[in-house]
Amino acid sequence: MAQHKLTLPQKRCPVCGLMFSWRKKWQRNWDSVLYCSERCRRHKATASEHNR
């Protein structure tokens, strides 16, 4: 069963602020995915410092 890209769940990345969509590789742990990319995951500490 194919899904349409318009109906895929989305989240906002806390580091860069961009919306990112569900991916098949995240199907088992979508609830725990926080960042849109590896780069944003590595820079999570700097983002929290900027928000203060």
Protein backbone atom coordinates (compact mmCIF):
# COMPACT_ATOMS: atom_id res chain seq x y z
CA MET A 1 0.00 0.00 0.00
CA ALA A 2 1.62 3.25 -1.11
CA GLN A 3 1.30 6.37 0.97
CA HIS A 4 1.00 9.82 -0.48
CA LYS A 5 3.58 12.34 0.66
CA LEU A 6 0.85 14.80 1.62
CA THR A 7 -0.47 12.45 4.31
CA LEU A 8 2.85 11.59 5.98
CA PRO A 9 3.31 12.85 9.55
CA GLN A 10 5.65 15.78 10.06
CA LYS A 11 7.68 17.24 12.92
CA ARG A 12 9.65 20.44 13.46
CA CYS A 13 13.39 20.12 14.09
CA PRO A 14 14.31 21.97 17.32
CA VAL A 15 17.76 22.93 15.96
CA CYS A 16 17.09 24.34 12.48
CA GLY A 17 13.33 24.87 12.77
CA LEU A 18 12.51 23.10 9.49
CA MET A 19 9.65 20.67 9.08
CA PHE A 20 10.65 17.10 8.22
CA SER A 21 8.52 14.17 7.15
CA TRP A 22 8.27 10.56 8.25
CA ARG A 23 10.71 8.16 6.59
CA LYS A 24 10.48 4.42 6.27
CA LYS A 25 13.71 3.92 8.23
CA TRP A 26 12.06 5.72 11.19
CA GLN A 27 8.89 3.59 11.19
CA ARG A 28 9.82 1.72 14.40
CA ASN A 29 10.91 4.75 16.40
CA TRP A 30 9.12 7.78 14.93
CA ASP A 31 8.09 8.93 18.42
CA SER A 32 11.72 9.19 19.50
CA VAL A 33 12.99 10.98 16.35
CA LEU A 34 13.71 14.61 17.24
CA TYR A 35 16.13 15.92 14.64
CA CYS A 36 15.84 16.16 10.85
CA SER A 37 19.44 15.14 10.17
CA GLU A 38 22.65 13.88 11.69
CA ARG A 39 24.07 17.39 11.45
CA CYS A 40 21.26 18.83 13.59
CA ARG A 41 21.62 16.00 16.09
CA ARG A 42 25.33 16.82 16.49
CA HIS A 43 24.59 20.52 16.97
CA LYS A 44 21.81 20.11 19.53
CA ALA A 45 23.91 21.60 22.37
CA THR A 46 24.62 24.82 20.49
CA ALA A 47 20.93 25.28 19.68
CA SER A 48 19.94 25.08 23.34
CA GLU A 49 22.60 27.66 24.21
CA HIS A 50 21.23 30.08 21.60
CA ASN A 51 17.68 29.77 22.97
CA ARG A 52 18.66 31.16 26.38
